[in-house]
């Protein structure tokens, strides 16, 4: 009964960021037959071209053995998929595997609906020594690895080398702090011709970027060491660093130095067509960015990448991306099939090709020595930026990643605060404080019903 109440409240919390929309039809129940393979259904949130790359991995796995057959089903975005999972609990439509973003980690642990992969690891002494340590650390709670890291990402700076040179800036010395971004943007804006608009940087309002900037500045997002030491009871992002970030953001837009982008595509397009000299986006956008830049007739080698700028501090970025979870409402044979697929998808060979196809960095260290990854670096050295940035980030409370059940709802409230400041003229400190107060109410309600 308690889990049912928890799931009901969880569904209400998710309403803050919209209900499920679109996606494929519900998956049919997985089946086990005496004369055929054991079916394993997997829900995912990778649109093409990444979805095509994931399908290739599934097809390769299905062709590599005869005991299991994985069926891949697109469910829309991560939030769409999570909403559908909540609505399917207790029905025959629960998948065997679901891909969810890092933001859903605490929800999935609390749900009681998953089988931690640590049990499979212990059972067969599966070797984890080749995995990226930060990937394992993010999805490990109390020495239990709950899910398999898969598509890992980090935010990076994309910039136009030619625009830098025209403005008298060194393209080999991109900005690393918020103050430097402003200084560069001021110089870049001066290069605009009569009647032209030249932004220094295009900025998509993103709670994830806000979190990453907090981490770079060494500031926490929530108490309990971002939920890593104990369950979060309140957020603290209205701290000095948080106010500095939102104030800088507002000033950049107000002064015409930053373009207030509608979304990630809009932000990247401004860079591609030359109306902005810089933008911040995920490393997962790298392949798409190269395609967009080529499509508008520009040379992709004109563009470079660098670590994400942030407040001055001794921090670094936190891991982003998503992982694969095994659901426990299916029988043991199907769960075993799910585990076998997760191991296959995490092999160095598959991870190297996935990295090359998408720009996500691999979860296996040895994958970088595989031919597809080597070729990707040779063709586009920008692929290494996010990886080097992650490895250079210190292991601190700020960079550990946030474990918070209603994180998606809290992120939605952060975006609302930014909108109130950027479009509504609100005071940065006041709006951020109001967001914290509302977020803490959401957290209190979640914790009251969580198992």
Protein backbone atom coordinates (compact mmCIF):
# COMPACT_ATOMS: atom_id res chain seq x y z
CA UNK A 1 0.00 0.00 0.00
CA UNK A 2 2.81 2.38 0.89
CA UNK A 3 4.47 1.87 -2.52
CA UNK A 4 1.14 2.59 -4.24
CA UNK A 5 0.83 5.89 -2.33
CA UNK A 6 4.43 6.72 -3.21
CA UNK A 7 3.84 6.09 -6.92
CA UNK A 8 0.68 8.23 -6.85
CA UNK A 9 2.56 11.17 -5.32
CA UNK A 10 5.44 10.60 -7.71
CA UNK A 11 3.05 10.88 -10.65
CA UNK A 12 1.75 14.15 -9.19
CA UNK A 13 5.27 15.49 -8.82
CA UNK A 14 6.04 14.65 -12.44
CA UNK A 15 3.01 16.69 -13.51
CA UNK A 16 5.13 19.76 -12.84
CA UNK A 17 6.99 19.01 -16.08
CA UNK A 18 4.20 17.67 -18.24
CA UNK A 19 2.46 14.39 -18.83
CA UNK A 20 3.49 11.61 -21.14
CA UNK A 21 3.11 12.50 -24.79
CA UNK A 22 3.66 10.37 -27.88
CA UNK A 23 6.00 7.44 -28.18
CA UNK A 24 5.33 3.95 -29.40
CA UNK A 25 2.42 1.87 -28.18
CA UNK A 26 2.80 0.00 -24.91
CA UNK A 27 5.07 -2.98 -25.21
CA UNK A 28 3.45 -6.41 -25.22
CA UNK A 29 4.30 -8.74 -22.37
CA UNK A 30 7.65 -10.45 -22.77
CA UNK A 31 7.22 -14.15 -23.47
CA UNK A 32 9.15 -17.29 -22.78
CA UNK A 33 8.56 -20.19 -25.17
CA UNK A 34 9.89 -23.71 -25.22
CA UNK A 35 10.86 -23.56 -28.87
CA UNK A 36 12.06 -20.00 -29.27
CA UNK A 37 14.20 -17.29 -27.69
CA UNK A 38 13.30 -15.56 -24.42
CA UNK A 39 11.94 -12.13 -25.33
CA UNK A 40 13.37 -9.10 -23.53
CA UNK A 41 11.64 -5.74 -24.00
CA UNK A 42 13.56 -2.52 -23.63
CA UNK A 43 12.18 1.02 -23.45
CA UNK A 44 14.50 3.79 -24.60
CA UNK A 45 14.55 7.55 -25.25
CA UNK A 46 17.08 7.90 -28.06
CA UNK A 47 15.70 9.66 -31.17
CA UNK A 48 17.56 9.11 -34.41
CA UNK A 49 20.40 9.11 -35.24
CA UNK A 50 21.32 7.85 -31.74
CA UNK A 51 18.28 5.57 -31.82
CA UNK A 52 19.60 3.93 -34.97
CA UNK A 53 22.94 3.31 -33.30
CA UNK A 54 21.20 1.72 -30.30
CA UNK A 55 19.14 -0.46 -32.65
CA UNK A 56 22.38 -1.65 -34.26
CA UNK A 57 23.64 -2.81 -30.85
CA UNK A 58 20.38 -4.66 -30.26
CA UNK A 59 20.53 -6.29 -33.69
CA UNK A 60 24.14 -7.34 -33.14
CA UNK A 61 23.25 -8.87 -29.78
CA UNK A 62 20.29 -10.76 -31.22
CA UNK A 63 22.48 -12.12 -34.02
CA UNK A 64 25.27 -13.12 -31.61
CA UNK A 65 23.26 -15.77 -29.74
CA UNK A 66 19.96 -17.67 -29.88
CA UNK A 67 18.77 -17.73 -26.27
CA UNK A 68 17.44 -14.16 -26.02
CA UNK A 69 15.79 -11.66 -28.34
CA UNK A 70 15.76 -7.99 -27.33
CA UNK A 71 12.96 -5.80 -28.66
CA UNK A 72 13.69 -2.06 -28.64
CA UNK A 73 10.74 0.33 -28.11
CA UNK A 74 11.01 4.13 -28.25
CA UNK A 75 8.91 5.84 -25.55
CA UNK A 76 9.62 9.53 -26.12
CA UNK A 77 11.82 11.57 -23.79
CA UNK A 78 13.14 10.37 -20.46
CA UNK A 79 10.25 11.96 -18.58
CA UNK A 80 7.73 10.43 -20.97
CA UNK A 81 9.29 7.03 -20.43
CA UNK A 82 9.33 7.38 -16.65
CA UNK A 83 5.68 8.44 -16.60
CA UNK A 84 4.75 5.43 -18.72
CA UNK A 85 6.67 3.14 -16.39
CA UNK A 86 4.83 4.51 -13.36
CA UNK A 87 1.51 3.91 -15.09
CA UNK A 88 2.51 0.37 -16.10
CA UNK A 89 3.64 -0.88 -12.69
CA UNK A 90 1.48 -3.85 -11.76
CA UNK A 91 0.36 -4.47 -15.35
CA UNK A 92 1.67 -6.90 -18.00
CA UNK A 93 3.21 -3.98 -19.93
CA UNK A 94 6.23 -3.41 -17.68
CA UNK A 95 9.42 -3.70 -19.77
CA UNK A 96 12.46 -5.73 -18.80
CA UNK A 97 14.88 -2.83 -19.29
CA UNK A 98 14.33 0.93 -19.22
CA UNK A 99 16.75 3.70 -20.12
CA UNK A 100 16.41 6.71 -17.81
CA UNK A 101 18.44 9.85 -17.22
CA UNK A 102 20.68 10.41 -14.23
CA UNK A 103 17.92 12.58 -12.71
CA UNK A 104 15.78 9.47 -12.11
CA UNK A 105 18.35 7.58 -10.04
CA UNK A 106 16.83 8.21 -6.60
CA UNK A 107 13.30 7.65 -7.89
CA UNK A 108 14.23 4.25 -9.26
CA UNK A 109 16.03 3.22 -6.09
CA UNK A 110 13.03 4.27 -4.00
CA UNK A 111 10.48 2.64 -6.31
CA UNK A 112 11.25 -0.94 -5.34
CA UNK A 113 10.56 -1.85 -8.97
CA UNK A 114 14.12 -2.66 -10.01
CA UNK A 115 16.68 -5.41 -9.62
CA UNK A 116 20.07 -3.82 -8.80
CA UNK A 117 22.70 -5.11 -11.19
CA UNK A 118 25.08 -5.52 -8.24
CA UNK A 119 23.51 -8.93 -7.63
CA UNK A 120 24.49 -10.15 -11.11
CA UNK A 121 27.95 -8.64 -10.70
CA UNK A 122 28.54 -10.44 -7.41
CA UNK A 123 27.10 -13.71 -8.67
CA UNK A 124 29.55 -14.06 -11.54
CA UNK A 125 32.38 -11.86 -10.22
CA UNK A 126 31.90 -9.55 -13.20
CA UNK A 127 35.00 -7.38 -13.62
CA UNK A 128 34.33 -3.63 -13.29
CA UNK A 129 37.96 -2.51 -13.33
CA UNK A 130 37.76 -1.28 -16.94
CA UNK A 131 34.75 0.99 -16.35
CA UNK A 132 35.02 4.77 -15.97
CA UNK A 133 35.27 5.25 -12.17
CA UNK A 134 33.02 8.33 -12.14
CA UNK A 135 30.33 6.44 -14.03
CA UNK A 136 30.33 3.65 -11.47
CA UNK A 137 30.42 6.12 -8.59
CA UNK A 138 27.38 8.03 -9.84
CA UNK A 139 25.09 5.00 -9.93
CA UNK A 140 26.48 3.36 -6.79
CA UNK A 141 24.68 3.95 -3.48
CA UNK A 142 25.82 2.32 -0.24
CA UNK A 143 28.21 0.07 -2.21
CA UNK A 144 25.43 -1.18 -4.50
CA UNK A 145 25.62 -0.50 -8.25
CA UNK A 146 21.98 -0.12 -9.21
CA UNK A 147 22.07 0.38 -12.98
CA UNK A 148 24.42 0.09 -15.95
CA UNK A 149 25.87 3.42 -17.10
CA UNK A 150 25.43 3.69 -20.85
CA UNK A 151 25.18 7.05 -22.61
CA UNK A 152 27.42 9.37 -20.64
CA UNK A 153 27.75 13.06 -21.36
CA UNK A 154 28.96 16.38 -20.07
CA UNK A 155 28.38 20.02 -21.03
CA UNK A 156 31.09 21.69 -23.10
CA UNK A 157 31.72 25.01 -24.82
CA UNK A 158 31.39 25.06 -28.61
CA UNK A 159 33.00 28.06 -30.31
CA UNK A 160 33.83 29.57 -33.69
CA UNK A 161 37.60 29.84 -34.16
CA UNK A 162 37.24 32.17 -37.16
CA UNK A 163 35.05 34.58 -35.19
CA UNK A 164 37.63 34.60 -32.41
CA UNK A 165 40.43 35.44 -34.84
CA UNK A 166 38.41 38.24 -36.47
CA UNK A 167 37.82 39.75 -33.03
CA UNK A 168 41.51 39.56 -32.12
CA UNK A 169 40.99 36.71 -29.66
CA UNK A 170 43.25 33.68 -29.41
CA UNK A 171 41.22 30.66 -30.63
CA UNK A 172 43.58 28.40 -28.70
CA UNK A 173 42.69 30.17 -25.44
CA UNK A 174 38.90 30.00 -25.02
CA UNK A 175 37.24 31.50 -21.91
CA UNK A 176 37.13 29.36 -18.79
CA UNK A 177 35.24 31.60 -16.34
CA UNK A 178 31.97 33.50 -16.54
CA UNK A 179 33.83 36.79 -16.36
CA UNK A 180 36.03 35.76 -19.27
CA UNK A 181 32.95 34.77 -21.30
CA UNK A 182 31.64 38.28 -20.78
CA UNK A 183 34.96 39.86 -21.76
CA UNK A 184 35.19 37.74 -24.91
CA UNK A 185 31.56 38.46 -25.77
CA UNK A 186 32.08 42.20 -25.50
CA UNK A 187 34.97 41.99 -27.93
CA UNK A 188 33.07 39.68 -30.30
CA UNK A 189 29.99 41.93 -30.32
CA UNK A 190 32.10 44.83 -31.56
CA UNK A 191 32.80 42.93 -34.78
CA UNK A 192 29.19 43.09 -35.99
CA UNK A 193 28.69 45.09 -39.16
CA UNK A 194 26.02 47.73 -39.62
CA UNK A 195 22.57 46.20 -39.25
CA UNK A 196 24.01 42.88 -38.07
CA UNK A 197 23.55 41.16 -34.73
CA UNK A 198 26.52 39.39 -33.27
CA UNK A 199 26.11 37.67 -29.92
CA UNK A 200 29.11 36.52 -27.99
CA UNK A 201 27.28 33.42 -26.80
CA UNK A 202 23.95 31.67 -27.24
CA UNK A 203 22.50 30.35 -23.96
CA UNK A 204 19.70 27.83 -23.58
CA UNK A 205 17.96 28.14 -20.22
CA UNK A 206 18.80 24.81 -18.63
CA UNK A 207 18.66 23.69 -15.01
CA UNK A 208 21.34 21.13 -15.88
CA UNK A 209 23.76 23.86 -16.97
CA UNK A 210 22.94 25.75 -13.78
CA UNK A 211 23.77 22.65 -11.73
CA UNK A 212 27.02 22.16 -13.64
CA UNK A 213 28.05 25.77 -13.07
CA UNK A 214 27.37 25.33 -9.36
CA UNK A 215 29.60 22.24 -9.40
CA UNK A 216 32.36 24.11 -11.24
CA UNK A 217 32.18 26.80 -8.57
CA UNK A 218 32.39 24.15 -5.86
CA UNK A 219 28.93 24.93 -4.48
CA UNK A 220 26.32 22.32 -3.49
CA UNK A 221 22.86 22.07 -5.01
CA UNK A 222 21.26 20.31 -2.03
CA UNK A 223 22.00 19.32 1.54
CA UNK A 224 23.12 15.88 2.61
CA UNK A 225 26.18 16.38 0.38
CA UNK A 226 23.88 16.51 -2.65
CA UNK A 227 22.09 13.47 -1.29
CA UNK A 228 25.21 11.31 -1.29
CA UNK A 229 25.61 11.26 2.50
CA UNK A 230 21.93 11.29 3.51
CA UNK A 231 18.55 11.86 1.90
CA UNK A 232 18.02 15.42 0.68
CA UNK A 233 15.57 17.44 2.77
CA UNK A 234 16.19 20.82 1.17
CA UNK A 235 17.96 22.46 -1.75
CA UNK A 236 20.47 25.24 -1.18
CA UNK A 237 21.09 26.54 -4.70
CA UNK A 238 20.18 30.09 -3.69
CA UNK A 239 23.68 30.30 -2.22
CA UNK A 240 26.18 32.98 -3.22
CA UNK A 241 27.38 31.02 -6.24
CA UNK A 242 23.84 30.36 -7.44
CA UNK A 243 22.95 34.05 -7.28
CA UNK A 244 26.20 34.90 -9.09
CA UNK A 245 25.30 32.53 -11.95
CA UNK A 246 21.74 33.73 -12.54
CA UNK A 247 22.80 37.39 -12.20
CA UNK A 248 25.57 36.91 -14.76
CA UNK A 249 23.14 35.17 -17.11
CA UNK A 250 20.61 38.00 -16.80
CA UNK A 251 23.22 40.70 -17.34
CA UNK A 252 24.57 38.95 -20.44
CA UNK A 253 21.10 38.81 -22.04
CA UNK A 254 20.12 42.30 -20.89
CA UNK A 255 23.31 43.79 -22.35
CA UNK A 256 22.83 42.06 -25.71
CA UNK A 257 25.92 39.88 -25.27
CA UNK A 258 24.01 36.59 -25.02
CA UNK A 259 21.15 35.25 -27.10
CA UNK A 260 18.33 33.80 -24.99
CA UNK A 261 17.76 30.56 -26.91
CA UNK A 262 14.41 28.78 -27.00
CA UNK A 263 16.00 25.33 -26.80
CA UNK A 264 19.18 23.39 -27.56
CA UNK A 265 18.52 23.31 -31.31
CA UNK A 266 17.91 27.06 -31.44
CA UNK A 267 21.08 27.67 -29.45
CA UNK A 268 23.25 25.48 -31.66
CA UNK A 269 21.73 26.99 -34.82
CA UNK A 270 22.86 30.48 -33.78
CA UNK A 271 26.41 29.17 -33.68
CA UNK A 272 26.06 27.29 -36.97
CA UNK A 273 24.81 30.34 -38.93
CA UNK A 274 27.36 32.68 -37.40
CA UNK A 275 25.09 34.87 -35.26
CA UNK A 276 26.77 33.69 -32.06
CA UNK A 277 30.43 32.82 -31.58
CA UNK A 278 29.91 30.44 -28.64
CA UNK A 279 27.31 28.17 -27.13
CA UNK A 280 27.11 25.59 -24.35
CA UNK A 281 25.74 22.15 -25.15
CA UNK A 282 26.16 18.50 -24.27
CA UNK A 283 28.93 16.45 -25.82
CA UNK A 284 26.07 14.28 -27.09
CA UNK A 285 25.26 17.12 -29.52
CA UNK A 286 28.65 16.87 -31.20
CA UNK A 287 27.63 14.68 -34.14
CA UNK A 288 24.45 16.69 -34.67
CA UNK A 289 26.41 19.94 -34.45
CA UNK A 290 28.87 18.77 -37.10
CA UNK A 291 25.94 17.84 -39.35
CA UNK A 292 24.19 21.18 -38.80
CA UNK A 293 27.33 23.20 -39.47
CA UNK A 294 28.00 21.23 -42.66
CA UNK A 295 24.37 21.62 -43.77
CA UNK A 296 24.56 25.44 -43.71
CA UNK A 297 27.71 25.33 -45.82
CA UNK A 298 30.30 26.02 -43.14
CA UNK A 299 33.48 24.12 -42.42
CA UNK A 300 33.07 22.04 -39.23
CA UNK A 301 36.80 22.36 -38.59
CA UNK A 302 36.18 26.08 -38.09
CA UNK A 303 34.55 25.12 -34.81
CA UNK A 304 36.23 23.88 -31.69
CA UNK A 305 35.28 22.74 -28.19
CA UNK A 306 36.54 23.55 -24.72
CA UNK A 307 35.58 22.78 -21.10
CA UNK A 308 32.40 24.44 -19.89
CA UNK A 309 33.03 27.87 -18.34
CA UNK A 310 31.73 28.56 -14.85
CA UNK A 311 32.25 30.63 -11.73
CA UNK A 312 35.78 30.81 -10.44
CA UNK A 313 36.29 27.93 -8.03
CA UNK A 314 37.98 24.63 -7.35
CA UNK A 315 35.20 22.34 -8.58
CA UNK A 316 34.41 20.61 -11.85
CA UNK A 317 31.53 19.04 -13.73
CA UNK A 318 29.29 16.18 -12.65
CA UNK A 319 28.47 13.20 -14.83
CA UNK A 320 25.42 13.48 -17.08
CA UNK A 321 23.61 11.06 -19.35
CA UNK A 322 21.59 7.95 -18.66
CA UNK A 323 21.74 4.32 -17.62
CA UNK A 324 19.89 1.02 -18.12
CA UNK A 325 17.73 -0.37 -15.32
CA UNK A 326 16.44 -3.95 -14.97
CA UNK A 327 12.82 -4.16 -13.79
CA UNK A 328 11.94 -6.86 -11.23
CA UNK A 329 8.33 -7.56 -12.27
CA UNK A 330 9.56 -10.03 -14.90
CA UNK A 331 10.68 -13.59 -14.18
CA UNK A 332 14.27 -14.53 -13.47
CA UNK A 333 14.96 -15.86 -16.96
CA UNK A 334 13.99 -12.56 -18.54
CA UNK A 335 16.01 -10.60 -15.98
CA UNK A 336 18.98 -12.82 -16.82
CA UNK A 337 18.46 -12.01 -20.50
CA UNK A 338 18.36 -8.31 -19.66
CA UNK A 339 21.67 -8.61 -17.81
CA UNK A 340 23.27 -10.47 -20.71
CA UNK A 341 22.26 -7.64 -23.05
CA UNK A 342 23.57 -4.95 -20.69
CA UNK A 343 26.95 -6.68 -20.60
CA UNK A 344 27.00 -6.87 -24.39
CA UNK A 345 26.07 -3.19 -24.80
CA UNK A 346 28.82 -2.28 -22.35
CA UNK A 347 31.55 -4.21 -24.18
CA UNK A 348 34.51 -2.09 -25.34
CA UNK A 349 33.74 -2.77 -29.01
CA UNK A 350 30.10 -1.67 -28.74
CA UNK A 351 30.95 1.31 -26.57
CA UNK A 352 33.60 2.52 -29.04
CA UNK A 353 31.15 2.42 -31.94
CA UNK A 354 28.43 4.08 -29.84
CA UNK A 355 30.88 6.85 -28.92
CA UNK A 356 31.84 7.38 -32.56
CA UNK A 357 28.22 7.36 -33.75
CA UNK A 358 26.84 9.79 -31.18
CA UNK A 359 29.44 11.80 -29.27
CA UNK A 360 28.48 10.25 -25.94
CA UNK A 361 31.64 9.05 -24.29
CA UNK A 362 32.07 5.35 -23.57
CA UNK A 363 31.68 3.77 -20.15
CA UNK A 364 34.74 1.57 -20.70
CA UNK A 365 38.30 2.93 -20.58
CA UNK A 366 39.61 0.37 -23.06
CA UNK A 367 37.00 1.48 -25.62
CA UNK A 368 39.21 4.44 -26.55
CA UNK A 369 41.75 2.04 -28.07
CA UNK A 370 39.16 0.43 -30.32
CA UNK A 371 39.30 1.43 -34.04
CA UNK A 372 35.98 3.37 -34.15
CA UNK A 373 37.02 5.57 -31.21
CA UNK A 374 40.52 6.10 -32.61
CA UNK A 375 39.09 7.16 -35.97
CA UNK A 376 36.63 9.53 -34.29
CA UNK A 377 39.45 11.30 -32.44
CA UNK A 378 41.57 11.51 -35.56
CA UNK A 379 38.70 12.97 -37.57
CA UNK A 380 37.36 15.26 -34.85
CA UNK A 381 39.70 15.87 -31.88
CA UNK A 382 36.79 17.72 -30.24
CA UNK A 383 35.51 14.30 -29.11
CA UNK A 384 38.03 14.25 -26.27
CA UNK A 385 37.07 17.55 -24.66
CA UNK A 386 34.25 16.26 -22.46
CA UNK A 387 36.17 13.15 -21.48
CA UNK A 388 39.24 15.10 -20.40
CA UNK A 389 37.02 17.59 -18.59
CA UNK A 390 35.30 14.84 -16.60
CA UNK A 391 38.57 13.15 -15.68
CA UNK A 392 40.09 16.47 -14.59
CA UNK A 393 37.15 17.22 -12.30
CA UNK A 394 37.95 16.57 -8.63
CA UNK A 395 35.85 14.13 -6.63
CA UNK A 396 33.93 16.46 -4.33
CA UNK A 397 30.42 16.83 -2.93
CA UNK A 398 29.66 19.38 -5.64
CA UNK A 399 30.78 17.09 -8.50
CA UNK A 400 29.33 13.84 -7.14
CA UNK A 401 25.97 14.24 -8.88
CA UNK A 402 22.63 14.94 -7.23
CA UNK A 403 20.56 12.16 -5.68
CA UNK A 404 17.10 13.66 -5.31
CA UNK A 405 13.82 11.90 -5.99
CA UNK A 406 11.84 14.81 -7.46
CA UNK A 407 14.87 16.29 -9.25
CA UNK A 408 12.99 16.74 -12.52
CA UNK A 409 10.27 18.77 -10.80
CA UNK A 410 12.89 20.84 -8.98
CA UNK A 411 14.68 21.47 -12.26
CA UNK A 412 11.42 22.69 -13.78
CA UNK A 413 11.12 25.19 -10.93
CA UNK A 414 14.69 26.39 -11.55
CA UNK A 415 13.86 27.02 -15.21
CA UNK A 416 10.78 28.94 -14.12
CA UNK A 417 12.98 31.16 -11.93
CA UNK A 418 15.29 31.86 -14.86
CA UNK A 419 12.30 32.71 -17.05
CA UNK A 420 10.97 35.12 -14.43
CA UNK A 421 14.33 36.88 -14.40
CA UNK A 422 15.16 36.84 -18.11
CA UNK A 423 11.71 37.55 -19.53
CA UNK A 424 9.81 38.91 -16.54
CA UNK A 425 12.38 41.27 -15.14
CA UNK A 426 12.46 39.62 -11.74
CA UNK A 427 15.28 40.10 -9.25
CA UNK A 428 17.74 37.17 -9.52
CA UNK A 429 18.23 36.61 -5.79
CA UNK A 430 14.51 36.94 -5.03
CA UNK A 431 13.42 34.54 -7.77
CA UNK A 432 16.04 31.97 -6.84
CA UNK A 433 14.99 32.09 -3.19
CA UNK A 434 11.34 31.60 -4.19
CA UNK A 435 12.37 28.61 -6.32
CA UNK A 436 14.16 27.09 -3.32
CA UNK A 437 11.08 27.50 -1.13
CA UNK A 438 8.81 25.84 -3.69
CA UNK A 439 11.35 23.08 -4.34
CA UNK A 440 11.59 22.30 -0.64
CA UNK A 441 7.81 21.82 -0.50
CA UNK A 442 8.06 19.35 -3.38
CA UNK A 443 10.89 17.51 -1.60
CA UNK A 444 8.99 17.38 1.69
CA UNK A 445 5.97 15.81 -0.02
CA UNK A 446 8.15 13.29 -1.85
CA UNK A 447 10.04 12.25 1.28
CA UNK A 448 6.79 11.92 3.22
CA UNK A 449 5.58 9.14 0.95
CA UNK A 450 8.82 7.56 -0.26
CA UNK A 451 9.54 4.04 1.09
